[in-house]
Amino acid sequence: MSKVGVVFKVFAEEGKLDSVMEAIKEMKPQDLRKEELAFGISVAKVLFVFDDSETGSSKIEEKLKGINGVSEVDVEEETLV
């Protein structure tokens, strides 16, 4: 059974990144960090690792989009691990 690693870039509404990151922590990601894109613009970078037979990246992406304060979610990288 293969494991898949997916890195998401999560954009939050202005002033809501910290609360978005707290909500993401409840999803138990492998890694979560704040990354500055440009002066004053930060995003959450999130890594999830899962069995490819259990779930898909689209299901995780939908859960991330459902978090209050999330404006956009992009898949930055997806690979077998």
Protein backbone atom coordinates (compact mmCIF):
# COMPACT_ATOMS: atom_id res chain seq x y z
CA MET A 1 0.00 0.00 0.00
CA SER A 2 1.44 3.36 -1.03
CA LYS A 3 1.61 6.47 1.07
CA VAL A 4 0.95 9.86 -0.48
CA GLY A 5 2.34 13.17 0.74
CA VAL A 6 0.50 16.34 -0.20
CA VAL A 7 1.56 19.92 0.55
CA PHE A 8 -1.26 22.45 0.54
CA LYS A 9 -0.92 26.22 0.49
CA VAL A 10 -3.83 27.70 2.47
CA PHE A 11 -4.74 31.36 2.04
CA ALA A 12 -6.78 33.01 4.77
CA GLU A 13 -8.96 36.09 4.87
CA GLU A 14 -7.21 39.15 6.24
CA GLY A 15 -6.43 38.80 9.94
CA LYS A 16 -7.64 35.20 10.20
CA LEU A 17 -4.50 33.16 9.48
CA ASP A 18 -3.84 32.29 13.13
CA SER A 19 -7.38 30.99 13.71
CA VAL A 20 -7.23 29.06 10.43
CA MET A 21 -3.95 27.45 11.52
CA GLU A 22 -5.51 26.43 14.85
CA ALA A 23 -8.36 24.74 12.97
CA ILE A 24 -5.88 22.98 10.67
CA LYS A 25 -4.00 21.61 13.71
CA GLU A 26 -7.16 19.73 14.68
CA MET A 27 -6.89 17.82 11.38
CA LYS A 28 -3.54 16.40 12.61
CA PRO A 29 -1.22 17.28 9.71
CA GLN A 30 2.35 15.96 9.53
CA ASP A 31 3.63 19.53 9.34
CA LEU A 32 2.15 23.01 9.56
CA ARG A 33 4.00 26.28 9.20
CA LYS A 34 3.43 29.90 8.32
CA GLU A 35 5.24 31.13 5.22
CA GLU A 36 5.59 34.74 4.09
CA LEU A 37 4.91 35.16 0.37
CA ALA A 38 5.45 38.89 0.18
CA PHE A 39 5.59 41.80 2.58
CA GLY A 40 2.56 41.41 4.84
CA ILE A 41 1.14 38.38 3.00
CA SER A 42 1.47 35.01 4.72
CA VAL A 43 -0.04 31.60 4.04
CA ALA A 44 -0.23 28.31 5.92
CA LYS A 45 1.77 25.46 4.36
CA VAL A 46 0.37 22.10 5.41
CA LEU A 47 1.67 18.57 4.83
CA PHE A 48 -0.59 15.55 5.06
CA VAL A 49 0.62 11.96 4.58
CA PHE A 50 -1.97 9.21 4.11
CA ASP A 51 -2.54 5.79 2.54
CA ASP A 52 -3.67 6.28 -1.02
CA SER A 53 -6.43 3.71 -0.53
CA GLU A 54 -7.93 5.47 2.52
CA THR A 55 -8.54 8.98 1.27
CA GLY A 56 -7.62 11.36 -1.49
CA SER A 57 -6.14 14.81 -1.59
CA SER A 58 -9.44 16.20 -2.88
CA LYS A 59 -11.22 15.15 0.34
CA ILE A 60 -8.59 16.89 2.46
CA GLU A 61 -8.74 19.94 0.19
CA GLU A 62 -12.52 20.16 0.68
CA LYS A 63 -12.11 19.96 4.47
CA LEU A 64 -9.53 22.76 4.36
CA LYS A 65 -11.83 24.90 2.20
CA GLY A 66 -14.61 24.36 4.75
CA ILE A 67 -12.64 26.03 7.56
CA ASN A 68 -14.04 29.42 8.54
CA GLY A 69 -11.71 32.15 7.28
CA VAL A 70 -10.10 30.16 4.43
CA SER A 71 -10.21 32.05 1.14
CA GLU A 72 -8.28 29.66 -1.13
CA VAL A 73 -6.50 26.29 -1.05
CA ASP A 74 -3.86 25.23 -3.58
CA VAL A 75 -2.13 21.87 -3.91
CA GLU A 76 1.54 22.80 -4.07
CA GLU A 77 3.01 19.31 -4.30
CA GLU A 78 1.74 15.72 -4.33
CA THR A 79 4.04 12.69 -4.34
CA LEU A 80 4.41 9.08 -3.23
CA VAL A 81 6.46 8.69 -0.05
